Amino acid sequence: MSVICLGILLHSCQDKRNEGKDHLVFRYNEHSNISSLDPAFARNPQNIWPSNQLFNGLVQLDDSLNIQPDIAHSWEINDSTYTYTFYLRDDVYFHKNAVFGNDSTRTVTASDFEFSFDRLVDPKVASPGSWVLQNVDRYSAVNDTTFTIVLKQPFPAFLGLLSMRYCSVVPKEAVDYYGNEFRRNPVGTGPFQYKMWEENVKLVLRKNPLYFEKDEAGEQLPYLEAVAITFLPDKQSEFLQFAQGKIDFISGLDNSYKDEILTSRGALQEAYKDRVKLLTCPYLNTEYLGFFMGAETPEIKSKALRQAVNYGFDRRKMVTYLRNGMGIPAEHGFIPQGLQGFESIQGYYYQPDKAKELVDQYIAETGDSNPEIVIGTNSQYLDICEYVQRELEKVGITVTIDVVPPSTLRQMKSTGELDIFRASWVADYPDAENYLSLFYSPNFTPNGPNYTHFKNEVLDSLYEASLFVTDIDDRKTIYTRMDSLIVEEAPVVPLFYDMAIRFVNKDVTGLGINPQNFLFLKKVRKAQ
């Protein structure tokens, strides 16, 4: 069915929901398949979202990225010994399961975190999240309700790192019993528990009647009875289901429906205002073009030409017309809005005359009168790269676009096979260090995330100094200096800072939005 017809369909279709109980079930679609419900493999949103409903860790983040208690009700940090001591609740139960005998359960103890962390770093498990504990020297259960972690060196962002789903607690009994099949037989402590999963068809979670968290009024969470997840593979079909009222929300803005539901200025189209709520907030994701600094290409080696690329296109126009206003033009540094250091410096904005001057400078320095660059991208970002291509040609830079599959792009980016690559960096944890680590020279790929192979001795020393600074305001000053260096040397072209976007059925309340775009359903209600 054509998306153009959906405005009419929105008013004409009849809701096919099960009468009486639908207000107790939250429904959403996952167009990318879930590969595992084991939190040790929660490396992408499609796995993280259901795992957030099933598991808990020591700490959690609220929608403003403030660290809050979870299974640990409090903690102490000894800066001189790099020791974190967590004091655990004694009323947290694992989901009832046969592995505990007679479909029973037991409380969580500090030994369970010891087991879970052992498993996270076990080479036999091969968790993609093992890096989370790379700065940890040791950890131990002091008693049932006290758990300590000692770092090898200072790392101020560590507490936020522990909020990642990788650090969830799991019971040894279930892991031992299910083995490799724990991925589809999860046993956690979360507000919902596993019910059934027909892979690529449907996943159902049911309310955990023993969940430990309560709301501000003292009512036990969660409010819903169930979560139902379907797996329609394309975004247009997902949007059709949402328009028909068969799912409760969709996340993100896809080209297949963006003009149907949003105006060019980012407001809801008239046909959807009575049925849909639009939720947005800055998303901890910087979209950018990266220069591979190890390339011998004269255009890539020239700082003047890299700066010309940065000045040569209008980010505001790009966001308005290609993203329907859903994004923040990247006119500051690499650090996105929502983190310490954003907006402290002046980055690049549209200056075509300045870009032409820099192109002329490049020509004078190299004798190359026809600068040419090649941008590697996947089809999802072709429109943005074509816009950059058209604009740069106006200032004297010839651009070729090489469109490759996403998996190929990731591989070529990691191995330095692309002079320029389109990329995103989504924060793993809410600290600007996460972004600046992309420019720390010991992190050259494949040993880390420095895909550009940028090396600057001053930045390296500042990065190392920041690890010893616990005061966030002092750390912000260092972060700003580092980001200013990145702007000056231009190893990247920041395009836009992304926005988290949710279209939500108006009968849903309590579904917030956060800068990591994580899904939490424990406080969601639906009108009857």
Protein backbone atom coordinates (compact mmCIF):
# COMPACT_ATOMS: atom_id res chain seq x y z
CA MET A 1 0.00 0.00 0.00
CA SER A 2 1.31 3.45 -0.86
CA VAL A 3 2.32 5.66 2.06
CA ILE A 4 0.41 8.48 0.37
CA CYS A 5 -2.84 6.68 1.21
CA LEU A 6 -2.10 6.47 4.91
CA GLY A 7 -3.58 9.85 5.82
CA ILE A 8 -6.95 8.59 4.57
CA LEU A 9 -6.41 5.18 6.13
CA LEU A 10 -5.75 6.73 9.52
CA HIS A 11 -9.33 7.93 9.71
CA SER A 12 -11.05 5.08 7.88
CA CYS A 13 -9.53 1.96 9.39
CA GLN A 14 -11.22 0.19 12.26
CA ASP A 15 -9.11 -0.86 15.23
CA LYS A 16 -8.81 -4.66 15.29
CA ARG A 17 -7.62 -4.86 18.84
CA ASN A 18 -8.74 -7.45 21.36
CA GLU A 19 -11.46 -5.78 23.34
CA GLY A 20 -11.06 -5.42 27.08
CA LYS A 21 -7.38 -6.27 27.49
CA ASP A 22 -5.48 -4.31 24.91
CA HIS A 23 -4.91 -1.44 27.33
CA LEU A 24 -2.74 -3.80 29.37
CA VAL A 25 -0.48 -4.80 26.45
CA PHE A 26 2.18 -2.57 24.91
CA ARG A 27 2.93 -3.45 21.29
CA TYR A 28 5.85 -2.45 19.12
CA ASN A 29 7.63 -3.72 16.03
CA GLU A 30 11.32 -4.55 15.70
CA HIS A 31 12.21 -4.35 12.01
CA SER A 32 15.74 -5.63 12.75
CA ASN A 33 15.74 -9.13 14.15
CA ILE A 34 16.63 -9.78 17.78
CA SER A 35 19.62 -12.11 17.94
CA SER A 36 19.71 -12.72 21.70
CA LEU A 37 17.91 -11.97 24.97
CA ASP A 38 21.12 -12.59 26.92
CA PRO A 39 22.30 -9.20 28.28
CA ALA A 40 25.92 -10.20 27.64
CA PHE A 41 25.04 -9.80 23.94
CA ALA A 42 22.99 -6.59 24.20
CA ARG A 43 25.16 -4.68 21.75
CA ASN A 44 22.52 -2.97 19.58
CA PRO A 45 19.09 -1.38 20.14
CA GLN A 46 17.12 -4.38 18.90
CA ASN A 47 18.69 -6.53 21.66
CA ILE A 48 18.96 -3.78 24.29
CA TRP A 49 15.27 -2.79 24.19
CA PRO A 50 13.79 -6.14 25.31
CA SER A 51 16.74 -6.73 27.65
CA ASN A 52 15.88 -3.46 29.42
CA GLN A 53 12.53 -4.97 30.35
CA LEU A 54 14.07 -8.26 31.53
CA PHE A 55 17.15 -7.28 33.53
CA ASN A 56 18.60 -4.87 36.10
CA GLY A 57 22.11 -3.84 37.05
CA LEU A 58 23.80 -2.04 39.90
CA VAL A 59 22.78 1.43 38.67
CA GLN A 60 20.49 2.91 36.04
CA LEU A 61 20.07 6.21 34.19
CA ASP A 62 16.99 8.42 34.22
CA ASP A 63 15.78 10.19 31.08
CA SER A 64 18.15 13.09 31.84
CA LEU A 65 21.12 10.69 32.04
CA ASN A 66 21.51 11.11 35.80
CA ILE A 67 22.81 8.00 37.55
CA GLN A 68 20.17 6.48 39.83
CA PRO A 69 20.08 3.46 42.16
CA ASP A 70 18.94 0.15 40.72
CA ILE A 71 19.76 -3.08 42.56
CA ALA A 72 22.42 -1.08 44.43
CA HIS A 73 20.53 1.32 46.69
CA SER A 74 23.72 3.33 47.40
CA TRP A 75 27.45 3.35 46.79
CA GLU A 76 30.73 4.92 47.87
CA ILE A 77 33.74 5.86 45.74
CA ASN A 78 37.27 6.04 47.14
CA ASP A 79 39.21 8.21 44.68
CA SER A 80 42.60 7.38 46.18
CA THR A 81 42.25 3.61 45.72
CA TYR A 82 39.88 3.67 42.72
CA THR A 83 37.46 1.53 44.74
CA TYR A 84 33.68 1.49 44.21
CA THR A 85 31.61 -0.10 46.99
CA PHE A 86 27.97 -0.92 46.21
CA TYR A 87 25.33 -1.71 48.83
CA LEU A 88 22.61 -3.93 47.40
CA ARG A 89 18.91 -4.18 48.12
CA ASP A 90 17.88 -7.43 49.82
CA ASP A 91 14.39 -7.59 48.25
CA VAL A 92 15.25 -8.22 44.59
CA TYR A 93 14.11 -11.59 43.24
CA PHE A 94 14.95 -13.40 40.04
CA HIS A 95 12.03 -14.32 37.81
CA LYS A 96 10.33 -17.52 38.87
CA ASN A 97 11.77 -20.40 36.86
CA ALA A 98 12.14 -24.17 37.01
CA VAL A 99 15.91 -23.81 37.42
CA PHE A 100 15.29 -22.79 41.05
CA GLY A 101 13.16 -25.88 41.72
CA ASN A 102 9.35 -26.13 41.53
CA ASP A 103 9.09 -22.91 39.50
CA SER A 104 10.48 -21.01 42.46
CA THR A 105 12.92 -18.11 42.82
CA ARG A 106 15.52 -16.59 45.15
CA THR A 107 16.92 -13.20 46.05
CA VAL A 108 19.84 -11.58 44.28
CA THR A 109 23.12 -11.42 46.22
CA ALA A 110 26.48 -9.80 45.55
CA SER A 111 27.81 -13.22 44.47
CA ASP A 112 25.43 -13.05 41.51
CA PHE A 113 27.16 -9.89 40.30
CA GLU A 114 30.51 -11.61 40.75
CA PHE A 115 29.29 -14.49 38.58
CA SER A 116 27.76 -12.15 35.99
CA PHE A 117 30.97 -10.11 35.67
CA ASP A 118 33.07 -13.31 35.45
CA ARG A 119 30.86 -14.43 32.62
CA LEU A 120 31.11 -11.06 30.85
CA VAL A 121 34.91 -11.34 30.59
CA ASP A 122 35.04 -15.12 29.99
CA PRO A 123 36.64 -15.72 26.55
CA LYS A 124 34.46 -18.82 26.14
CA VAL A 125 31.33 -16.66 26.35
CA ALA A 126 32.83 -14.14 23.88
CA SER A 127 30.59 -11.28 24.95
CA PRO A 128 30.94 -8.14 22.82
CA GLY A 129 30.61 -6.23 26.10
CA SER A 130 33.77 -7.54 27.75
CA TRP A 131 35.45 -4.17 27.06
CA VAL A 132 33.20 -2.56 29.68
CA LEU A 133 35.43 -4.07 32.39
CA GLN A 134 38.77 -3.39 30.68
CA ASN A 135 39.71 -0.80 33.34
CA VAL A 136 38.74 -3.12 36.21
CA ASP A 137 41.51 -4.72 38.28
CA ARG A 138 39.26 -6.88 40.46
CA TYR A 139 35.78 -7.20 41.95
CA SER A 140 34.35 -9.26 44.78
CA ALA A 141 31.31 -10.01 46.92
CA VAL A 142 32.18 -8.89 50.44
CA ASN A 143 28.92 -10.34 51.76
CA ASP A 144 25.42 -10.90 50.38
CA THR A 145 24.68 -7.18 50.07
CA THR A 146 28.10 -5.59 49.48
CA PHE A 147 29.95 -5.68 46.16
CA THR A 148 33.26 -3.93 45.46
CA ILE A 149 35.02 -3.03 42.23
CA VAL A 150 38.63 -1.80 42.09
CA LEU A 151 39.89 -0.08 38.94
CA LYS A 152 43.39 -0.33 37.50
CA GLN A 153 43.48 3.43 36.97
CA PRO A 154 41.12 6.38 37.30
CA PHE A 155 38.16 6.40 34.94
CA PRO A 156 35.56 9.03 35.94
CA ALA A 157 32.96 7.73 33.47
CA PHE A 158 32.96 4.25 35.04
CA LEU A 159 29.76 4.59 37.05
CA GLY A 160 27.81 5.51 33.92
CA LEU A 161 29.40 2.56 32.14
CA LEU A 162 27.85 0.22 34.73
CA SER A 163 24.38 1.31 33.60
CA MET A 164 24.93 -0.54 30.32
CA ARG A 165 22.83 -3.66 29.83
CA TYR A 166 25.99 -5.77 29.60
CA CYS A 167 26.40 -5.28 33.36
CA SER A 168 23.05 -6.88 34.24
CA VAL A 169 22.83 -9.55 36.90
CA VAL A 170 21.96 -13.12 35.82
CA PRO A 171 21.58 -16.28 37.94
CA LYS A 172 24.19 -19.05 37.67
CA GLU A 173 21.47 -21.71 37.90
CA ALA A 174 19.82 -20.52 34.68
CA VAL A 175 23.06 -20.05 32.75
CA ASP A 176 24.27 -23.52 33.78
CA TYR A 177 20.93 -25.14 32.93
CA TYR A 178 20.24 -23.49 29.59
CA GLY A 179 23.83 -23.10 28.39
CA ASN A 180 23.93 -21.53 24.93
CA GLU A 181 20.12 -21.50 24.93
CA PHE A 182 20.07 -18.89 27.70
CA ARG A 183 19.84 -16.46 24.78
CA ARG A 184 16.22 -17.51 24.30
CA ASN A 185 15.43 -18.53 27.87
CA PRO A 186 16.35 -15.38 29.80
CA VAL A 187 15.98 -15.24 33.56
CA GLY A 188 16.47 -11.81 35.07
CA THR A 189 15.02 -9.48 37.69
CA GLY A 190 13.31 -6.91 35.44
CA PRO A 191 9.73 -5.56 35.42
CA PHE A 192 8.78 -8.10 32.75
CA GLN A 193 9.65 -11.77 32.36
CA TYR A 194 10.02 -14.04 29.36
CA LYS A 195 6.85 -15.75 28.08
CA MET A 196 7.42 -16.92 24.49
CA TRP A 197 9.54 -16.17 21.44
CA GLU A 198 8.88 -17.37 17.93
CA GLU A 199 11.96 -15.94 16.28
CA ASN A 200 11.29 -13.44 13.49
CA VAL A 201 7.55 -13.65 14.25
CA LYS A 202 6.65 -12.60 17.80
CA LEU A 203 8.14 -12.10 21.26
CA VAL A 204 5.94 -11.84 24.35
CA LEU A 205 6.96 -10.69 27.83
CA ARG A 206 4.66 -10.84 30.86
CA LYS A 207 4.49 -8.72 34.00
CA ASN A 208 6.86 -9.76 36.79
CA PRO A 209 4.63 -9.88 39.90
CA LEU A 210 7.70 -9.81 42.18
CA TYR A 211 9.31 -6.70 40.74
CA PHE A 212 10.95 -4.56 43.41
CA GLU A 213 10.48 -0.99 42.13
CA LYS A 214 7.50 1.19 43.02
CA ASP A 215 6.33 4.53 41.67
CA GLU A 216 6.29 7.81 43.59
CA ALA A 217 2.86 6.97 45.05
CA GLY A 218 4.02 3.57 46.28
CA GLU A 219 2.31 1.53 43.53
CA GLN A 220 4.26 -1.48 42.34
CA LEU A 221 5.68 -1.36 38.83
CA PRO A 222 5.06 -2.21 36.05
CA TYR A 223 1.52 -1.11 35.25
CA LEU A 224 1.19 -3.16 32.05
CA GLU A 225 0.45 -6.88 31.96
CA ALA A 226 2.47 -7.67 28.85
CA VAL A 227 4.73 -6.50 26.04
CA ALA A 228 4.24 -7.91 22.54
CA ILE A 229 6.93 -7.42 19.86
CA THR A 230 6.45 -8.21 16.18
CA PHE A 231 9.11 -8.41 13.45
CA LEU A 232 7.88 -6.79 10.26
CA PRO A 233 11.10 -6.33 8.29
CA ASP A 234 10.61 -2.93 6.68
CA LYS A 235 9.88 0.51 8.08
CA GLN A 236 7.02 1.30 5.71
CA SER A 237 5.05 -1.76 6.85
CA GLU A 238 5.83 -0.83 10.45
CA PHE A 239 4.44 2.65 9.86
CA LEU A 240 1.29 1.20 8.31
CA GLN A 241 0.76 -0.94 11.42
CA PHE A 242 1.17 2.16 13.58
CA ALA A 243 -1.28 4.17 11.47
CA GLN A 244 -3.82 1.36 11.85
CA GLY A 245 -3.39 1.34 15.64
CA LYS A 246 -1.89 -2.16 15.70
CA ILE A 247 1.31 -1.05 17.39
CA ASP A 248 1.69 1.68 20.01
CA PHE A 249 4.75 3.58 18.83
CA ILE A 250 7.51 3.81 16.26
CA SER A 251 11.01 5.17 16.71
CA GLY A 252 13.07 7.15 14.25
CA LEU A 253 12.40 8.90 10.97
CA ASP A 254 12.55 6.85 7.79
CA ASN A 255 12.47 8.29 4.28
CA SER A 256 9.53 6.02 3.41
CA TYR A 257 7.17 7.96 5.69
CA LYS A 258 8.88 11.13 6.91
CA ASP A 259 6.94 13.46 4.59
CA GLU A 260 3.68 11.65 5.29
CA ILE A 261 3.78 12.29 9.03
CA LEU A 262 5.97 15.42 9.38
CA THR A 263 6.07 18.83 7.77
CA SER A 264 9.38 20.13 6.46
CA ARG A 265 9.73 22.05 9.72
CA GLY A 266 9.35 18.97 11.90
CA ALA A 267 5.73 19.36 13.05
CA LEU A 268 3.08 16.64 12.84
CA GLN A 269 0.98 16.73 9.70
CA GLU A 270 -2.62 17.75 10.36
CA ALA A 271 -4.00 14.24 9.73
CA TYR A 272 -2.04 12.80 12.66
CA LYS A 273 -2.41 15.46 15.34
CA ASP A 274 -5.49 13.91 16.96
CA ARG A 275 -4.01 10.40 17.22
CA VAL A 276 -0.27 10.81 17.65
CA LYS A 277 2.17 12.40 20.09
CA LEU A 278 5.60 13.44 18.80
CA LEU A 279 8.42 13.06 21.34
CA THR A 280 11.90 14.37 20.56
CA CYS A 281 15.14 15.09 22.39
CA PRO A 282 18.82 15.37 21.49
CA TYR A 283 20.23 11.91 20.76
CA LEU A 284 23.81 11.09 21.75
CA ASN A 285 24.81 10.45 18.16
CA THR A 286 27.09 12.50 15.92
CA GLU A 287 26.74 11.86 12.19
CA TYR A 288 29.94 12.68 10.35
CA LEU A 289 32.34 12.14 7.47
CA GLY A 290 35.72 10.82 8.52
CA PHE A 291 39.03 11.34 6.71
CA PHE A 292 41.45 8.42 6.90
CA MET A 293 44.54 10.35 7.96
CA GLY A 294 46.84 7.51 6.98
CA ALA A 295 45.94 7.98 3.31
CA GLU A 296 48.60 9.22 0.86
CA THR A 297 46.00 11.13 -1.16
CA PRO A 298 47.10 14.81 -1.29
CA GLU A 299 43.53 16.01 -0.70
CA ILE A 300 43.29 14.03 2.54
CA LYS A 301 46.75 15.09 3.74
CA SER A 302 45.89 18.78 3.23
CA LYS A 303 44.42 20.48 6.29
CA ALA A 304 43.30 23.35 4.05
CA LEU A 305 41.21 21.03 1.88
CA ARG A 306 39.74 19.21 4.88
CA GLN A 307 38.70 22.57 6.28
CA ALA A 308 37.27 23.58 2.89
CA VAL A 309 35.01 20.53 2.97
CA ASN A 310 33.82 21.57 6.44
CA TYR A 311 32.99 25.11 5.31
CA GLY A 312 31.57 24.17 1.94
CA PHE A 313 27.96 23.10 2.62
CA ASP A 314 25.00 24.41 4.60
CA ARG A 315 24.25 22.06 7.50
CA ARG A 316 21.10 23.97 8.45
CA LYS A 317 19.58 23.59 5.00
CA MET A 318 20.60 19.93 4.95
CA VAL A 319 18.82 19.20 8.26
CA THR A 320 15.71 21.19 7.28
CA TYR A 321 15.12 19.60 3.89
CA LEU A 322 16.64 16.14 4.21
CA ARG A 323 15.74 15.46 7.84
CA ASN A 324 12.49 17.45 8.10
CA GLY A 325 14.15 19.55 10.78
CA MET A 326 14.88 16.48 12.92
CA GLY A 327 18.50 17.07 13.80
CA ILE A 328 20.83 19.76 15.09
CA PRO A 329 23.30 21.20 12.54
CA ALA A 330 26.80 20.20 13.67
CA GLU A 331 28.23 23.71 13.88
CA HIS A 332 30.17 23.21 17.10
CA GLY A 333 32.56 20.29 17.60
CA PHE A 334 32.36 16.53 17.57
CA ILE A 335 30.72 16.30 21.01
CA PRO A 336 26.91 16.24 20.53
CA GLN A 337 24.28 18.23 22.38
CA GLY A 338 23.49 16.74 25.76
CA LEU A 339 27.07 16.12 26.91
CA GLN A 340 29.69 18.20 28.71
CA GLY A 341 31.57 20.38 26.23
CA PHE A 342 28.86 20.88 23.63
CA GLU A 343 28.42 24.48 22.42
CA SER A 344 31.56 25.63 24.23
CA ILE A 345 33.43 26.11 20.97
CA GLN A 346 32.74 27.46 17.51
CA GLY A 347 32.94 24.77 14.89
CA TYR A 348 32.32 25.00 11.15
CA TYR A 349 29.35 26.70 9.54
CA TYR A 350 28.52 27.50 5.94
CA GLN A 351 31.09 29.91 4.46
CA PRO A 352 31.39 29.23 0.70
CA ASP A 353 33.84 32.09 0.14
CA LYS A 354 36.08 30.76 2.90
CA ALA A 355 35.84 27.28 1.36
CA LYS A 356 36.91 28.63 -2.05
CA GLU A 357 39.87 30.43 -0.47
CA LEU A 358 41.00 27.20 1.16
CA VAL A 359 40.64 25.30 -2.12
CA ASP A 360 42.82 27.94 -3.78
CA GLN A 361 45.33 27.55 -0.95
CA TYR A 362 45.38 23.77 -1.54
CA ILE A 363 45.97 24.30 -5.27
CA ALA A 364 48.83 26.73 -4.57
CA GLU A 365 50.44 24.34 -2.09
CA THR A 366 50.15 21.17 -4.17
CA GLY A 367 49.89 22.27 -7.79
CA ASP A 368 46.78 20.07 -8.09
CA SER A 369 44.25 22.25 -9.91
CA ASN A 370 41.44 19.70 -9.75
CA PRO A 371 40.97 18.41 -6.19
CA GLU A 372 38.89 15.22 -6.11
CA ILE A 373 37.57 13.20 -3.17
CA VAL A 374 35.63 9.93 -2.88
CA ILE A 375 33.05 9.44 -0.09
CA GLY A 376 32.12 5.90 0.93
CA THR A 377 28.57 5.48 2.26
CA ASN A 378 25.63 3.11 2.34
CA SER A 379 22.32 3.72 0.60
CA GLN A 380 20.60 5.03 3.75
CA TYR A 381 22.74 8.19 3.71
CA LEU A 382 23.02 8.61 -0.05
CA ASP A 383 20.78 11.69 -0.08
CA ILE A 384 22.99 13.49 2.45
CA CYS A 385 26.19 12.58 0.60
CA GLU A 386 24.67 13.72 -2.70
CA TYR A 387 23.77 17.05 -1.11
CA VAL A 388 27.35 17.48 0.13
CA GLN A 389 28.57 16.47 -3.34
CA ARG A 390 26.51 19.17 -5.09
CA GLU A 391 27.54 21.88 -2.65
CA LEU A 392 31.27 21.06 -2.70
CA GLU A 393 31.37 21.09 -6.47
CA LYS A 394 30.27 24.75 -6.28
CA VAL A 395 33.45 25.59 -4.34
CA GLY A 396 35.75 23.64 -6.67
CA ILE A 397 35.94 20.13 -5.16
CA THR A 398 34.93 17.19 -7.36
CA VAL A 399 33.16 14.49 -5.35
CA THR A 400 32.52 10.85 -6.22
CA ILE A 401 30.19 8.79 -4.04
CA ASP A 402 30.90 5.09 -3.55
CA VAL A 403 27.76 3.31 -2.29
CA VAL A 404 28.45 -0.04 -0.59
CA PRO A 405 26.44 -2.37 1.68
CA PRO A 406 26.52 -1.46 5.40
CA SER A 407 28.62 -4.51 6.33
CA THR A 408 31.16 -3.68 3.62
CA LEU A 409 31.29 -0.05 4.75
CA ARG A 410 32.01 -1.13 8.34
CA GLN A 411 34.79 -3.44 7.18
CA MET A 412 36.41 -0.90 4.84
CA LYS A 413 36.17 1.81 7.50
CA SER A 414 37.91 -0.43 10.04
CA THR A 415 40.75 -1.38 7.70
CA GLY A 416 41.48 2.08 6.28
CA GLU A 417 40.33 1.25 2.75
CA LEU A 418 38.28 4.43 2.37
CA ASP A 419 39.81 7.89 2.09
CA ILE A 420 36.53 9.38 3.34
CA PHE A 421 33.71 7.44 5.01
CA ARG A 422 30.24 8.32 6.28
CA ALA A 423 29.82 7.20 9.89
CA SER A 424 27.90 7.68 13.15
CA TRP A 425 29.07 7.54 16.72
CA VAL A 426 26.39 6.70 19.27
CA ALA A 427 27.43 7.04 22.91
CA ASP A 428 27.88 3.80 24.82
CA TYR A 429 27.78 5.76 28.07
CA PRO A 430 26.94 9.40 28.87
CA ASP A 431 30.35 11.04 29.02
CA ALA A 432 32.10 13.10 26.33
CA GLU A 433 35.20 10.92 26.81
CA ASN A 434 33.29 8.36 24.77
CA TYR A 435 33.48 10.68 21.73
CA LEU A 436 36.99 12.00 22.28
CA SER A 437 38.37 8.46 22.51
CA LEU A 438 37.89 8.31 18.72
CA PHE A 439 40.86 10.66 18.36
CA TYR A 440 43.23 9.17 20.95
CA SER A 441 46.12 7.66 18.98
CA PRO A 442 46.51 4.41 21.01
CA ASN A 443 42.95 3.66 19.89
CA PHE A 444 43.87 3.24 16.20
CA THR A 445 41.69 0.56 14.65
CA PRO A 446 41.62 -2.40 15.03
CA ASN A 447 42.68 -1.82 18.67
CA GLY A 448 40.05 0.85 19.30
CA PRO A 449 37.57 3.24 17.69
CA ASN A 450 40.05 5.70 16.11
CA TYR A 451 38.90 5.01 12.54
CA THR A 452 40.51 8.17 11.16
CA HIS A 453 43.98 7.27 12.56
CA PHE A 454 44.23 10.84 13.79
CA LYS A 455 47.31 11.48 15.93
CA ASN A 456 48.00 14.63 17.91
CA GLU A 457 50.40 14.64 20.86
CA VAL A 458 48.65 17.50 22.63
CA LEU A 459 45.26 15.80 22.38
CA ASP A 460 46.74 12.51 23.60
CA SER A 461 48.19 14.21 26.69
CA LEU A 462 44.93 16.03 27.41
CA TYR A 463 42.95 12.80 27.04
CA GLU A 464 45.23 11.04 29.52
CA ALA A 465 45.04 13.97 31.95
CA SER A 466 41.23 13.95 31.83
CA LEU A 467 41.16 10.43 33.27
CA PHE A 468 42.52 11.75 36.57
CA VAL A 469 40.00 14.59 36.89
CA THR A 470 36.87 13.65 38.85
CA ASP A 471 35.27 17.11 38.98
CA ILE A 472 32.95 17.35 35.97
CA ASP A 473 33.47 21.10 35.46
CA ASP A 474 37.23 20.69 35.38
CA ARG A 475 36.89 17.72 33.04
CA LYS A 476 34.62 19.78 30.78
CA THR A 477 37.39 22.37 30.37
CA ILE A 478 39.77 19.67 29.18
CA TYR A 479 37.13 18.17 26.89
CA THR A 480 36.57 21.59 25.30
CA ARG A 481 40.28 21.99 24.57
CA MET A 482 40.37 18.55 22.97
CA ASP A 483 37.31 19.23 20.82
CA SER A 484 38.83 22.57 19.72
CA LEU A 485 41.93 20.71 18.52
CA ILE A 486 39.73 18.33 16.53
CA VAL A 487 37.95 21.26 14.89
CA GLU A 488 41.25 22.95 14.01
CA GLU A 489 42.86 19.84 12.49
CA ALA A 490 39.62 18.68 10.80
CA PRO A 491 40.06 14.89 10.67
CA VAL A 492 36.25 14.73 10.49
CA VAL A 493 33.33 16.64 9.03
CA PRO A 494 30.52 16.75 11.62
CA LEU A 495 27.22 16.69 9.71
CA PHE A 496 24.50 16.85 12.38
CA TYR A 497 23.83 15.87 15.96
CA ASP A 498 20.96 13.45 15.82
CA MET A 499 17.56 13.64 17.50
CA ALA A 500 15.76 10.78 19.19
CA ILE A 501 12.26 10.72 17.67
CA ARG A 502 9.20 8.79 18.81
CA PHE A 503 5.71 8.77 17.37
CA VAL A 504 3.41 7.51 20.13
CA ASN A 505 -0.29 6.62 20.15
CA LYS A 506 -2.11 9.20 22.28
CA ASP A 507 -3.64 6.57 24.54
CA VAL A 508 -0.13 5.80 25.83
CA THR A 509 1.26 7.70 28.83
CA GLY A 510 4.50 7.34 30.75
CA LEU A 511 6.63 6.54 27.71
CA GLY A 512 9.45 9.02 27.97
CA ILE A 513 12.37 9.66 25.67
CA ASN A 514 16.06 9.86 26.48
CA PRO A 515 19.30 10.86 24.74
CA GLN A 516 20.32 7.22 24.28
CA ASN A 517 16.94 6.30 22.79
CA PHE A 518 16.61 3.33 25.13
CA LEU A 519 13.16 1.87 25.70
CA PHE A 520 11.83 1.54 29.25
CA LEU A 521 8.25 0.34 29.74
CA LYS A 522 7.92 -0.10 33.49
CA LYS A 523 6.03 3.22 33.92
CA VAL A 524 3.89 3.02 30.79
CA ARG A 525 0.10 3.01 30.95
CA LYS A 526 -2.51 2.76 28.20
CA ALA A 527 -5.98 4.27 28.32
CA GLN A 528 -8.82 1.76 28.30
